[in-house]
Amino acid sequence: MSIWKRAATPAELTAIGSKSMPGYLGIIITEVGEDFVRATMPVNAHTHQPFGLLHGGASVALAETLGSMGSVLCIDSERFMAVGQEINANHIRGMASGLVTATARPWHLGRTSHVWHIELRDEDAKLVCVSRLTIAVVERRDQKTT
């Protein structure tokens, strides 16, 4: 049984992030399953740290992108927003090139908070990074511009 309150295709989710950090990092949403969201990100000069390995910050950006998108699909987005509250990551293995694949699954989907478990794996399915993301679900307010 699906956990999603609204359906979205991988292409729709990829397009949402195309003009912000996910787009600049090359993050592509590849799959929306019954209880998970999956994406890839290239490991190249744009996502490297100075020593030529996948930057931990790029890994965290990928993890937060997936967990945030998952939360948006689990809420009434006309009434609520999903905003990152806390994220941590353990970097397990270095990666110099190729595609890293991340899969996000919820550990908790409450009324005011969500907790996501995100695993990043290399092309041989070896664990590269594990992350836990806490999302605050907050009521939308009219946004005023100054």
N, C-alpha and C. Protein backbone atom coordinates (compact mmCIF):
# COMPACT_ATOMS: atom_id res chain seq x y z
N MET A 1 0.83 -1.18 0.00
CA MET A 1 0.00 0.00 0.00
C MET A 1 0.88 1.25 0.00
N SER A 2 0.55 2.19 -0.84
CA SER A 2 1.34 3.41 -1.00
C SER A 2 1.19 4.34 0.20
N ILE A 3 2.28 5.02 0.55
CA ILE A 3 2.26 6.00 1.64
C ILE A 3 1.96 7.41 1.13
N TRP A 4 1.92 7.60 -0.16
CA TRP A 4 1.83 8.94 -0.74
C TRP A 4 0.40 9.49 -0.72
N LYS A 5 0.27 10.77 -0.37
CA LYS A 5 -1.04 11.45 -0.44
C LYS A 5 -1.29 11.99 -1.83
N ARG A 6 -0.23 12.19 -2.60
CA ARG A 6 -0.38 12.61 -3.99
C ARG A 6 0.64 11.89 -4.83
N ALA A 7 0.28 11.63 -6.06
CA ALA A 7 1.17 10.92 -6.97
C ALA A 7 2.05 11.92 -7.71
N ALA A 8 3.24 11.50 -8.03
CA ALA A 8 4.16 12.30 -8.84
C ALA A 8 5.08 11.35 -9.58
N THR A 9 5.41 11.69 -10.79
CA THR A 9 6.34 10.88 -11.57
C THR A 9 7.76 11.32 -11.25
N PRO A 10 8.74 10.45 -11.52
CA PRO A 10 10.13 10.87 -11.35
C PRO A 10 10.45 12.13 -12.16
N ALA A 11 9.92 12.22 -13.38
CA ALA A 11 10.19 13.40 -14.22
C ALA A 11 9.65 14.68 -13.57
N GLU A 12 8.45 14.61 -12.99
CA GLU A 12 7.87 15.78 -12.32
C GLU A 12 8.73 16.21 -11.13
N LEU A 13 9.18 15.24 -10.33
CA LEU A 13 10.01 15.57 -9.17
C LEU A 13 11.36 16.12 -9.60
N THR A 14 11.95 15.56 -10.65
CA THR A 14 13.22 16.07 -11.15
C THR A 14 13.05 17.52 -11.62
N ALA A 15 11.95 17.80 -12.31
CA ALA A 15 11.71 19.16 -12.81
C ALA A 15 11.56 20.17 -11.67
N ILE A 16 10.97 19.76 -10.55
CA ILE A 16 10.80 20.66 -9.40
C ILE A 16 12.16 21.19 -8.95
N GLY A 17 13.16 20.34 -8.93
CA GLY A 17 14.48 20.75 -8.46
C GLY A 17 15.42 21.24 -9.54
N SER A 18 14.97 21.31 -10.76
CA SER A 18 15.88 21.57 -11.88
C SER A 18 16.52 22.95 -11.85
N LYS A 19 15.88 23.94 -11.24
CA LYS A 19 16.41 25.30 -11.22
C LYS A 19 17.03 25.67 -9.87
N SER A 20 17.22 24.66 -9.02
CA SER A 20 17.83 24.90 -7.71
C SER A 20 18.96 23.89 -7.50
N MET A 21 19.41 23.73 -6.28
CA MET A 21 20.57 22.88 -6.00
C MET A 21 20.49 21.49 -6.63
N PRO A 22 19.37 20.77 -6.54
CA PRO A 22 19.34 19.44 -7.17
C PRO A 22 19.70 19.49 -8.65
N GLY A 23 19.22 20.50 -9.36
CA GLY A 23 19.53 20.63 -10.77
C GLY A 23 21.00 20.91 -11.01
N TYR A 24 21.58 21.77 -10.20
CA TYR A 24 22.99 22.12 -10.36
C TYR A 24 23.91 20.93 -10.05
N LEU A 25 23.46 20.05 -9.15
CA LEU A 25 24.26 18.87 -8.81
C LEU A 25 23.99 17.70 -9.74
N GLY A 26 23.00 17.82 -10.61
CA GLY A 26 22.69 16.74 -11.55
C GLY A 26 21.84 15.63 -10.96
N ILE A 27 21.09 15.94 -9.90
CA ILE A 27 20.25 14.93 -9.25
C ILE A 27 19.05 14.63 -10.15
N ILE A 28 18.84 13.35 -10.42
CA ILE A 28 17.72 12.88 -11.24
C ILE A 28 16.91 11.90 -10.40
N ILE A 29 15.63 12.18 -10.22
CA ILE A 29 14.74 11.23 -9.53
C ILE A 29 14.46 10.11 -10.52
N THR A 30 14.72 8.88 -10.10
CA THR A 30 14.58 7.74 -11.01
C THR A 30 13.40 6.84 -10.71
N GLU A 31 12.90 6.89 -9.48
CA GLU A 31 11.83 5.96 -9.12
C GLU A 31 11.07 6.47 -7.90
N VAL A 32 9.75 6.30 -7.95
CA VAL A 32 8.89 6.55 -6.80
C VAL A 32 8.17 5.23 -6.56
N GLY A 33 8.56 4.52 -5.50
CA GLY A 33 7.95 3.23 -5.18
C GLY A 33 6.80 3.40 -4.21
N GLU A 34 6.29 2.31 -3.71
CA GLU A 34 5.17 2.35 -2.75
C GLU A 34 5.53 3.09 -1.47
N ASP A 35 6.81 2.96 -1.04
CA ASP A 35 7.24 3.58 0.21
C ASP A 35 8.66 4.12 0.13
N PHE A 36 9.12 4.48 -1.05
CA PHE A 36 10.47 5.03 -1.18
C PHE A 36 10.56 5.95 -2.39
N VAL A 37 11.59 6.79 -2.35
CA VAL A 37 11.95 7.64 -3.48
C VAL A 37 13.42 7.36 -3.77
N ARG A 38 13.78 7.25 -5.05
CA ARG A 38 15.16 6.93 -5.44
C ARG A 38 15.66 7.95 -6.46
N ALA A 39 16.95 8.27 -6.38
CA ALA A 39 17.56 9.23 -7.30
C ALA A 39 19.02 8.89 -7.53
N THR A 40 19.56 9.44 -8.60
CA THR A 40 21.00 9.32 -8.87
C THR A 40 21.61 10.71 -8.92
N MET A 41 22.93 10.74 -8.71
CA MET A 41 23.70 11.97 -8.82
C MET A 41 25.08 11.59 -9.37
N PRO A 42 25.56 12.33 -10.36
CA PRO A 42 26.89 12.02 -10.88
C PRO A 42 27.98 12.38 -9.87
N VAL A 43 29.00 11.57 -9.85
CA VAL A 43 30.19 11.88 -9.04
C VAL A 43 31.23 12.36 -10.03
N ASN A 44 31.44 13.68 -10.03
CA ASN A 44 32.34 14.31 -10.99
C ASN A 44 32.89 15.60 -10.37
N ALA A 45 33.49 16.43 -11.17
CA ALA A 45 34.09 17.67 -10.66
C ALA A 45 33.08 18.56 -9.92
N HIS A 46 31.81 18.52 -10.30
CA HIS A 46 30.80 19.34 -9.64
C HIS A 46 30.43 18.83 -8.26
N THR A 47 30.65 17.56 -7.98
CA THR A 47 30.28 16.98 -6.69
C THR A 47 31.49 16.48 -5.89
N HIS A 48 32.70 16.78 -6.37
CA HIS A 48 33.93 16.35 -5.69
C HIS A 48 34.33 17.34 -4.60
N GLN A 49 35.08 16.83 -3.63
CA GLN A 49 35.84 17.68 -2.72
C GLN A 49 37.23 17.86 -3.36
N PRO A 50 38.11 18.69 -2.80
CA PRO A 50 39.39 18.99 -3.46
C PRO A 50 40.30 17.79 -3.76
N PHE A 51 40.11 16.65 -3.09
CA PHE A 51 40.95 15.49 -3.33
C PHE A 51 40.37 14.53 -4.36
N GLY A 52 39.29 14.95 -5.04
CA GLY A 52 38.75 14.15 -6.13
C GLY A 52 37.76 13.07 -5.71
N LEU A 53 37.25 13.15 -4.50
CA LEU A 53 36.24 12.19 -4.03
C LEU A 53 34.90 12.89 -3.84
N LEU A 54 33.84 12.11 -3.79
CA LEU A 54 32.51 12.64 -3.55
C LEU A 54 32.51 13.49 -2.28
N HIS A 55 32.06 14.73 -2.41
CA HIS A 55 32.01 15.67 -1.28
C HIS A 55 30.89 15.26 -0.33
N GLY A 56 31.18 15.26 0.96
CA GLY A 56 30.16 14.91 1.95
C GLY A 56 28.95 15.82 1.87
N GLY A 57 29.17 17.10 1.57
CA GLY A 57 28.06 18.03 1.44
C GLY A 57 27.17 17.70 0.26
N ALA A 58 27.75 17.19 -0.82
CA ALA A 58 26.94 16.78 -1.98
C ALA A 58 26.10 15.56 -1.60
N SER A 59 26.68 14.65 -0.84
CA SER A 59 25.92 13.48 -0.37
C SER A 59 24.74 13.92 0.49
N VAL A 60 24.98 14.87 1.38
CA VAL A 60 23.93 15.36 2.26
C VAL A 60 22.87 16.11 1.46
N ALA A 61 23.28 16.86 0.45
CA ALA A 61 22.31 17.56 -0.40
C ALA A 61 21.41 16.55 -1.12
N LEU A 62 21.99 15.47 -1.60
CA LEU A 62 21.20 14.42 -2.25
C LEU A 62 20.22 13.80 -1.25
N ALA A 63 20.70 13.48 -0.04
CA ALA A 63 19.84 12.89 0.98
C ALA A 63 18.69 13.82 1.35
N GLU A 64 18.98 15.10 1.56
CA GLU A 64 17.92 16.04 1.95
C GLU A 64 16.94 16.27 0.81
N THR A 65 17.43 16.28 -0.40
CA THR A 65 16.54 16.42 -1.55
C THR A 65 15.51 15.30 -1.58
N LEU A 66 15.97 14.06 -1.43
CA LEU A 66 15.05 12.93 -1.49
C LEU A 66 14.06 12.90 -0.33
N GLY A 67 14.55 13.09 0.89
CA GLY A 67 13.66 13.08 2.05
C GLY A 67 12.64 14.20 1.99
N SER A 68 13.07 15.38 1.55
CA SER A 68 12.15 16.51 1.44
C SER A 68 11.08 16.25 0.39
N MET A 69 11.49 15.72 -0.75
CA MET A 69 10.51 15.41 -1.79
C MET A 69 9.54 14.34 -1.31
N GLY A 70 10.04 13.34 -0.60
CA GLY A 70 9.16 12.32 -0.04
C GLY A 70 8.14 12.92 0.91
N SER A 71 8.59 13.83 1.78
CA SER A 71 7.65 14.45 2.71
C SER A 71 6.60 15.27 2.00
N VAL A 72 6.98 15.99 0.95
CA VAL A 72 6.01 16.78 0.20
C VAL A 72 4.91 15.89 -0.38
N LEU A 73 5.28 14.68 -0.77
CA LEU A 73 4.29 13.75 -1.32
C LEU A 73 3.39 13.15 -0.23
N CYS A 74 3.78 13.30 1.04
CA CYS A 74 3.03 12.71 2.16
C CYS A 74 2.14 13.71 2.88
N ILE A 75 2.14 14.95 2.45
CA ILE A 75 1.34 15.98 3.15
C ILE A 75 0.40 16.68 2.18
N ASP A 76 -0.53 17.42 2.73
CA ASP A 76 -1.39 18.30 1.94
C ASP A 76 -0.58 19.56 1.69
N SER A 77 0.07 19.64 0.53
CA SER A 77 1.01 20.74 0.28
C SER A 77 0.34 22.08 0.02
N GLU A 78 -0.98 22.11 -0.06
CA GLU A 78 -1.68 23.39 -0.13
C GLU A 78 -1.82 24.01 1.26
N ARG A 79 -1.82 23.16 2.29
CA ARG A 79 -1.95 23.65 3.67
C ARG A 79 -0.65 23.64 4.45
N PHE A 80 0.29 22.74 4.07
CA PHE A 80 1.50 22.56 4.85
C PHE A 80 2.76 22.63 3.98
N MET A 81 3.88 22.91 4.63
CA MET A 81 5.19 22.85 3.99
C MET A 81 6.04 21.84 4.75
N ALA A 82 6.96 21.22 4.04
CA ALA A 82 7.93 20.31 4.66
C ALA A 82 9.28 21.01 4.62
N VAL A 83 9.85 21.25 5.80
CA VAL A 83 11.13 21.95 5.87
C VAL A 83 12.12 21.13 6.69
N GLY A 84 13.35 21.09 6.21
CA GLY A 84 14.39 20.34 6.91
C GLY A 84 14.63 20.92 8.30
N GLN A 85 14.71 20.02 9.28
CA GLN A 85 14.95 20.46 10.66
C GLN A 85 16.32 19.99 11.15
N GLU A 86 16.71 18.77 10.76
CA GLU A 86 18.00 18.23 11.19
C GLU A 86 18.39 17.14 10.21
N ILE A 87 19.70 17.08 9.92
CA ILE A 87 20.20 16.00 9.08
C ILE A 87 21.56 15.59 9.60
N ASN A 88 21.83 14.30 9.54
CA ASN A 88 23.18 13.83 9.83
C ASN A 88 23.56 12.81 8.78
N ALA A 89 24.84 12.54 8.68
CA ALA A 89 25.32 11.59 7.68
C ALA A 89 26.59 10.94 8.17
N ASN A 90 26.70 9.66 7.87
CA ASN A 90 27.93 8.92 8.09
C ASN A 90 28.47 8.54 6.72
N HIS A 91 29.68 9.02 6.43
CA HIS A 91 30.31 8.74 5.14
C HIS A 91 31.13 7.47 5.30
N ILE A 92 30.73 6.43 4.60
CA ILE A 92 31.26 5.09 4.80
C ILE A 92 32.41 4.78 3.85
N ARG A 93 32.25 5.14 2.59
CA ARG A 93 33.22 4.76 1.55
C ARG A 93 33.36 5.92 0.58
N GLY A 94 34.60 6.16 0.14
CA GLY A 94 34.85 7.19 -0.85
C GLY A 94 34.43 6.73 -2.24
N MET A 95 34.18 7.72 -3.09
CA MET A 95 33.77 7.44 -4.46
C MET A 95 34.35 8.54 -5.33
N ALA A 96 35.05 8.16 -6.42
CA ALA A 96 35.72 9.15 -7.26
C ALA A 96 34.98 9.45 -8.56
N SER A 97 34.17 8.51 -9.04
CA SER A 97 33.48 8.73 -10.31
C SER A 97 32.27 7.81 -10.39
N GLY A 98 31.46 8.04 -11.42
CA GLY A 98 30.28 7.20 -11.64
C GLY A 98 29.02 7.87 -11.15
N LEU A 99 28.02 7.05 -10.85
CA LEU A 99 26.74 7.53 -10.34
C LEU A 99 26.53 6.99 -8.94
N VAL A 100 26.14 7.85 -8.04
CA VAL A 100 25.73 7.40 -6.71
C VAL A 100 24.20 7.35 -6.74
N THR A 101 23.63 6.30 -6.17
CA THR A 101 22.18 6.11 -6.12
C THR A 101 21.73 6.19 -4.67
N ALA A 102 20.72 7.01 -4.43
CA ALA A 102 20.19 7.17 -3.07
C ALA A 102 18.75 6.69 -3.02
N THR A 103 18.41 6.06 -1.90
CA THR A 103 17.04 5.60 -1.66
C THR A 103 16.60 6.12 -0.30
N ALA A 104 15.45 6.80 -0.27
CA ALA A 104 14.91 7.37 0.97
C ALA A 104 13.63 6.64 1.33
N ARG A 105 13.57 6.19 2.59
CA ARG A 105 12.37 5.55 3.13
C ARG A 105 12.04 6.20 4.48
N PRO A 106 10.77 6.37 4.77
CA PRO A 106 10.43 6.99 6.05
C PRO A 106 10.56 6.00 7.21
N TRP A 107 11.05 6.53 8.33
CA TRP A 107 11.01 5.78 9.58
C TRP A 107 9.81 6.22 10.40
N HIS A 108 9.39 7.47 10.17
CA HIS A 108 8.27 8.03 10.95
C HIS A 108 7.57 9.07 10.08
N LEU A 109 6.26 8.97 9.98
CA LEU A 109 5.45 9.96 9.27
C LEU A 109 4.36 10.45 10.22
N GLY A 110 4.69 11.46 11.01
CA GLY A 110 3.73 12.00 11.97
C GLY A 110 3.04 13.23 11.43
N ARG A 111 2.19 13.80 12.26
CA ARG A 111 1.42 14.98 11.87
C ARG A 111 2.31 16.21 11.73
N THR A 112 3.33 16.34 12.61
CA THR A 112 4.17 17.55 12.59
C THR A 112 5.64 17.26 12.28
N SER A 113 5.99 15.99 12.16
CA SER A 113 7.39 15.67 11.82
C SER A 113 7.46 14.36 11.06
N HIS A 114 8.48 14.28 10.23
CA HIS A 114 8.80 13.06 9.48
C HIS A 114 10.28 12.77 9.71
N VAL A 115 10.62 11.49 9.78
CA VAL A 115 12.02 11.09 9.88
C VAL A 115 12.30 10.12 8.74
N TRP A 116 13.33 10.41 7.96
CA TRP A 116 13.69 9.63 6.78
C TRP A 116 15.06 8.99 6.95
N HIS A 117 15.17 7.77 6.45
CA HIS A 117 16.44 7.04 6.40
C HIS A 117 16.85 7.01 4.93
N ILE A 118 18.05 7.50 4.63
CA ILE A 118 18.51 7.57 3.24
C ILE A 118 19.84 6.84 3.14
N GLU A 119 19.92 5.91 2.18
CA GLU A 119 21.17 5.20 1.90
C GLU A 119 21.67 5.60 0.52
N LEU A 120 22.96 5.89 0.42
CA LEU A 120 23.62 6.18 -0.85
C LEU A 120 24.54 5.02 -1.16
N ARG A 121 24.46 4.52 -2.39
CA ARG A 121 25.25 3.37 -2.81
C ARG A 121 25.94 3.65 -4.14
N ASP A 122 27.11 3.01 -4.33
CA ASP A 122 27.84 3.16 -5.58
C ASP A 122 27.26 2.21 -6.63
N GLU A 123 27.88 2.17 -7.79
CA GLU A 123 27.35 1.36 -8.89
C GLU A 123 27.47 -0.15 -8.65
N ASP A 124 28.26 -0.54 -7.65
CA ASP A 124 28.35 -1.95 -7.26
C ASP A 124 27.46 -2.25 -6.05
N ALA A 125 26.57 -1.31 -5.72
CA ALA A 125 25.63 -1.41 -4.60
C ALA A 125 26.33 -1.40 -3.24
N LYS A 126 27.59 -0.92 -3.19
CA LYS A 126 28.30 -0.79 -1.92
C LYS A 126 27.87 0.50 -1.25
N LEU A 127 27.67 0.41 0.07
CA LEU A 127 27.21 1.55 0.85
C LEU A 127 28.27 2.65 0.87
N VAL A 128 27.87 3.84 0.50
CA VAL A 128 28.76 5.01 0.47
C VAL A 128 28.46 5.92 1.66
N CYS A 129 27.18 6.09 1.97
CA CYS A 129 26.77 7.03 3.02
C CYS A 129 25.40 6.63 3.54
N VAL A 130 25.17 6.83 4.83
CA VAL A 130 23.84 6.70 5.42
C VAL A 130 23.49 8.03 6.07
N SER A 131 22.23 8.42 5.95
CA SER A 131 21.80 9.70 6.48
C SER A 131 20.44 9.55 7.13
N ARG A 132 20.19 10.40 8.12
CA ARG A 132 18.88 10.48 8.75
C ARG A 132 18.46 11.94 8.68
N LEU A 133 17.25 12.16 8.17
CA LEU A 133 16.73 13.51 7.99
C LEU A 133 15.44 13.66 8.77
N THR A 134 15.35 14.73 9.56
CA THR A 134 14.11 15.08 10.25
C THR A 134 13.50 16.27 9.54
N ILE A 135 12.23 16.13 9.20
CA ILE A 135 11.48 17.18 8.51
C ILE A 135 10.42 17.71 9.47
N ALA A 136 10.29 19.03 9.54
CA ALA A 136 9.19 19.65 10.27
C ALA A 136 8.07 19.92 9.28
N VAL A 137 6.87 19.53 9.64
CA VAL A 137 5.68 19.80 8.81
C VAL A 137 5.01 21.01 9.45
N VAL A 138 5.02 22.13 8.73
CA VAL A 138 4.51 23.39 9.28
C VAL A 138 3.40 23.94 8.39
N GLU A 139 2.47 24.67 9.03
CA GLU A 139 1.39 25.29 8.28
C GLU A 139 1.94 26.38 7.38
N ARG A 140 1.40 26.45 6.17
CA ARG A 140 1.77 27.53 5.24
C ARG A 140 1.21 28.85 5.75
N ARG A 141 1.98 29.90 5.56
CA ARG A 141 1.53 31.26 5.85
C ARG A 141 1.65 32.06 4.57
N ASP A 142 0.84 33.08 4.44
CA ASP A 142 0.99 33.94 3.27
C ASP A 142 2.39 34.54 3.29
N GLN A 143 3.07 34.43 2.16
CA GLN A 143 4.43 34.97 2.05
C GLN A 143 4.35 36.40 1.57
N LYS A 144 4.90 37.33 2.33
CA LYS A 144 4.95 38.72 1.93
C LYS A 144 6.36 39.03 1.44
N THR A 145 6.43 39.76 0.36
CA THR A 145 7.74 40.18 -0.16
C THR A 145 7.94 41.64 0.17
N THR A 146 9.18 42.01 0.46
CA THR A 146 9.49 43.41 0.76
C THR A 146 10.40 43.99 -0.26
